[in-house]
Amino acid sequence: MSARADAMARTRQQIIEAAADRVRLSAEPLALMDIAARAAVSRATLYRHFGSVTDLLDAVAADLLARARYDQLLAALELPDPADALRQVILVGTGIWAADPVLVRNFTSLAAAQPEVLPVVAQRERGRLAAMERLAARLGQAGRLRSGLTPDGAVDLLLVITAFAAWDELVVSRNRTEAEATAIITDLAITAVVAAP
């Protein structure tokens, strides 16, 4: 990588980290000028990397996924046993939240206050939906769904059970450790949708 490209990558990461730090501090709407000041870059430099708040926050979300090893979640989806796949997807997914829960919590809240954040959150939720649809379909094909439960019904249950809000409620309001919250969510999901052996 050339020195110029390396400097550009460092500046981009500096801006992403400044935005993430700002979101961790508050779920109040953010402005690109504020992030430029926090990152100690000019407005022109920031706009060279990110044309909008949506672009910047999409990069913040992608950075979190990369740090939390999102690739492991994709690998878990392909485990041969669909019940094991579901268990591992939940473990890895909640691990992403546990990697930076304040950022995830404020990011989610920010979506309610700043419309530019909605596409970023919606894209991540579409990914979660696709994963749950795939897992429910695999469970159905393997005859592993709980009796009377359709794949579509399993998706409904899994979306509710595996939502960040459910996990975060256990951590914040019930004073469970992140590992305890993950275990509760995982056990509940398996009990709700997987047929007993």
Protein backbone atom coordinates (compact mmCIF):
# COMPACT_ATOMS: atom_id res chain seq x y z
CA MET A 1 0.00 0.00 0.00
CA SER A 2 1.41 3.39 -0.91
CA ALA A 3 2.13 5.96 1.78
CA ARG A 4 -0.72 8.13 0.50
CA ALA A 5 -3.22 5.27 0.54
CA ASP A 6 -2.03 4.29 4.01
CA ALA A 7 -2.54 7.87 5.24
CA MET A 8 -6.01 7.95 3.69
CA ALA A 9 -6.94 4.68 5.43
CA ARG A 10 -5.65 6.01 8.77
CA THR A 11 -7.66 9.22 8.36
CA ARG A 12 -10.78 7.26 7.46
CA GLN A 13 -10.36 5.07 10.55
CA GLN A 14 -9.75 8.15 12.70
CA ILE A 15 -13.07 9.62 11.52
CA ILE A 16 -14.89 6.32 12.13
CA GLU A 17 -13.47 6.11 15.66
CA ALA A 18 -14.42 9.74 16.39
CA ALA A 19 -17.99 9.04 15.26
CA ALA A 20 -18.17 5.84 17.33
CA ASP A 21 -16.87 7.71 20.39
CA ARG A 22 -19.50 10.40 19.87
CA VAL A 23 -22.31 7.82 19.60
CA ARG A 24 -21.05 6.10 22.76
CA LEU A 25 -21.30 9.43 24.60
CA SER A 26 -24.86 10.24 23.54
CA ALA A 27 -27.78 9.09 21.43
CA GLU A 28 -28.42 12.70 20.43
CA PRO A 29 -28.40 13.44 16.67
CA LEU A 30 -24.94 14.04 15.33
CA ALA A 31 -23.58 16.40 12.71
CA LEU A 32 -20.68 15.81 10.36
CA MET A 33 -19.04 19.10 11.40
CA ASP A 34 -18.94 17.90 15.00
CA ILE A 35 -17.34 14.62 13.92
CA ALA A 36 -14.78 16.49 11.79
CA ALA A 37 -13.80 18.55 14.83
CA ARG A 38 -13.60 15.46 17.05
CA ALA A 39 -11.45 13.68 14.45
CA ALA A 40 -9.28 16.78 14.01
CA VAL A 41 -9.85 16.84 10.24
CA SER A 42 -11.25 19.47 7.93
CA ARG A 43 -14.78 19.41 6.63
CA ALA A 44 -13.42 18.75 3.13
CA THR A 45 -11.42 15.77 4.39
CA LEU A 46 -14.43 14.30 6.12
CA TYR A 47 -16.60 14.73 3.02
CA ARG A 48 -13.89 13.12 0.89
CA HIS A 49 -14.41 9.96 2.95
CA PHE A 50 -18.11 10.20 3.88
CA GLY A 51 -20.76 12.10 1.97
CA SER A 52 -23.44 11.87 4.64
CA VAL A 53 -24.23 10.89 8.21
CA THR A 54 -25.69 7.66 6.80
CA ASP A 55 -22.42 6.80 5.05
CA LEU A 56 -20.40 7.54 8.17
CA LEU A 57 -22.62 5.54 10.52
CA ASP A 58 -22.71 2.66 8.05
CA ALA A 59 -18.92 2.61 8.32
CA VAL A 60 -19.15 2.71 12.13
CA ALA A 61 -21.49 -0.30 12.08
CA ALA A 62 -19.27 -2.16 9.60
CA ASP A 63 -16.24 -1.45 11.80
CA LEU A 64 -18.01 -2.95 14.82
CA LEU A 65 -18.95 -6.05 12.83
CA ALA A 66 -15.36 -6.47 11.65
CA ARG A 67 -13.97 -6.04 15.18
CA ALA A 68 -16.50 -8.54 16.55
CA ARG A 69 -15.70 -11.16 13.88
CA TYR A 70 -18.93 -11.10 11.89
CA ASP A 71 -17.31 -13.65 9.58
CA GLN A 72 -17.78 -16.20 12.38
CA LEU A 73 -21.54 -15.60 12.29
CA LEU A 74 -21.60 -16.27 8.55
CA ALA A 75 -19.63 -19.48 9.12
CA ALA A 76 -22.01 -20.54 11.92
CA LEU A 77 -24.96 -20.28 9.52
CA GLU A 78 -23.44 -23.13 7.51
CA LEU A 79 -22.87 -25.63 10.33
CA PRO A 80 -24.28 -29.03 9.30
CA ASP A 81 -26.75 -29.38 12.19
CA PRO A 82 -29.35 -26.57 11.97
CA ALA A 83 -29.95 -26.53 15.74
CA ASP A 84 -26.20 -26.18 16.34
CA ALA A 85 -26.14 -23.48 13.66
CA LEU A 86 -28.92 -21.57 15.45
CA ARG A 87 -27.12 -21.85 18.78
CA GLN A 88 -23.81 -20.62 17.31
CA VAL A 89 -25.42 -17.78 15.35
CA ILE A 90 -27.00 -16.50 18.57
CA LEU A 91 -23.73 -16.84 20.49
CA VAL A 92 -21.77 -14.96 17.85
CA GLY A 93 -24.53 -12.40 17.29
CA THR A 94 -24.78 -11.52 20.96
CA GLY A 95 -20.98 -11.45 21.03
CA ILE A 96 -21.14 -8.61 18.52
CA TRP A 97 -23.33 -6.66 20.95
CA ALA A 98 -21.09 -7.57 23.89
CA ALA A 99 -18.08 -6.20 21.99
CA ASP A 100 -19.48 -2.66 22.36
CA PRO A 101 -22.89 -2.61 24.07
CA VAL A 102 -22.96 1.15 24.68
CA LEU A 103 -22.32 1.82 21.00
CA VAL A 104 -25.07 -0.61 19.95
CA ARG A 105 -27.52 0.74 22.55
CA ASN A 106 -26.98 4.39 21.57
CA PHE A 107 -26.89 3.56 17.87
CA THR A 108 -30.31 1.93 18.20
CA SER A 109 -31.67 4.91 20.13
CA LEU A 110 -30.14 7.34 17.64
CA ALA A 111 -32.20 5.74 14.87
CA ALA A 112 -35.35 7.05 16.56
CA ALA A 113 -33.97 10.60 16.68
CA GLN A 114 -32.09 10.92 13.40
CA PRO A 115 -33.68 9.66 10.15
CA GLU A 116 -30.28 9.29 8.45
CA VAL A 117 -29.53 6.40 10.82
CA LEU A 118 -32.61 4.36 9.86
CA PRO A 119 -31.14 2.88 6.65
CA VAL A 120 -28.11 1.63 8.58
CA VAL A 121 -30.19 -0.03 11.29
CA ALA A 122 -32.66 -1.36 8.71
CA GLN A 123 -29.86 -2.97 6.71
CA ARG A 124 -28.54 -4.79 9.80
CA GLU A 125 -32.05 -5.91 10.70
CA ARG A 126 -32.57 -7.24 7.17
CA GLY A 127 -29.42 -9.29 7.67
CA ARG A 128 -30.72 -10.67 10.98
CA LEU A 129 -34.06 -11.49 9.33
CA ALA A 130 -32.31 -13.30 6.47
CA ALA A 131 -30.25 -15.34 8.94
CA MET A 132 -33.33 -16.34 10.95
CA GLU A 133 -35.25 -17.22 7.77
CA ARG A 134 -32.38 -19.43 6.63
CA LEU A 135 -32.13 -21.17 10.00
CA ALA A 136 -35.89 -21.70 10.29
CA ALA A 137 -36.02 -23.13 6.76
CA ARG A 138 -33.14 -25.49 7.54
CA LEU A 139 -34.82 -26.61 10.76
CA GLY A 140 -38.07 -27.23 8.87
CA GLN A 141 -36.34 -29.19 6.09
CA ALA A 142 -34.59 -31.34 8.70
CA GLY A 143 -37.86 -32.00 10.58
CA ARG A 144 -36.40 -30.25 13.62
CA LEU A 145 -39.03 -27.54 14.18
CA ARG A 146 -41.16 -27.78 17.31
CA SER A 147 -44.46 -29.58 16.62
CA GLY A 148 -47.08 -27.32 15.04
CA LEU A 149 -44.58 -24.54 14.29
CA THR A 150 -44.09 -23.38 10.71
CA PRO A 151 -40.82 -21.90 9.49
CA ASP A 152 -42.56 -18.52 9.25
CA GLY A 153 -43.76 -18.81 12.85
CA ALA A 154 -40.25 -19.81 13.93
CA VAL A 155 -38.86 -16.68 12.28
CA ASP A 156 -41.35 -14.53 14.21
CA LEU A 157 -40.29 -16.09 17.51
CA LEU A 158 -36.59 -15.87 16.72
CA LEU A 159 -36.78 -12.22 15.71
CA VAL A 160 -38.38 -11.31 19.04
CA ILE A 161 -36.14 -13.52 21.17
CA THR A 162 -32.87 -12.53 19.52
CA ALA A 163 -33.51 -8.78 19.33
CA PHE A 164 -30.87 -6.55 20.90
CA ALA A 165 -33.57 -5.01 23.10
CA ALA A 166 -34.27 -8.40 24.72
CA TRP A 167 -30.60 -9.10 25.40
CA ASP A 168 -29.98 -5.54 26.61
CA GLU A 169 -33.00 -5.68 28.95
CA LEU A 170 -31.48 -8.70 30.66
CA VAL A 171 -28.11 -6.96 31.01
CA VAL A 172 -29.35 -3.53 32.09
CA SER A 173 -32.61 -4.13 33.95
CA ARG A 174 -32.05 -7.65 35.25
CA ASN A 175 -28.35 -7.14 36.06
CA ARG A 176 -27.33 -10.28 34.20
CA THR A 177 -23.82 -10.56 32.89
CA GLU A 178 -23.46 -10.49 29.13
CA ALA A 179 -22.71 -14.23 29.19
CA GLU A 180 -25.80 -14.93 31.34
CA ALA A 181 -28.00 -12.86 29.02
CA THR A 182 -26.62 -14.73 26.02
CA ALA A 183 -27.28 -18.10 27.69
CA ILE A 184 -30.87 -17.10 28.51
CA ILE A 185 -31.54 -15.88 24.96
CA THR A 186 -29.95 -18.99 23.46
CA ASP A 187 -31.86 -21.42 25.67
CA LEU A 188 -35.13 -19.59 25.04
CA ALA A 189 -34.64 -19.63 21.27
CA ILE A 190 -33.78 -23.33 21.17
CA THR A 191 -36.72 -24.23 23.46
CA ALA A 192 -39.13 -22.07 21.44
CA VAL A 193 -38.39 -23.42 17.98
CA VAL A 194 -36.40 -26.67 18.05
CA ALA A 195 -38.15 -30.00 18.56
CA ALA A 196 -37.00 -31.95 21.60
CA PRO A 197 -34.79 -34.91 20.61
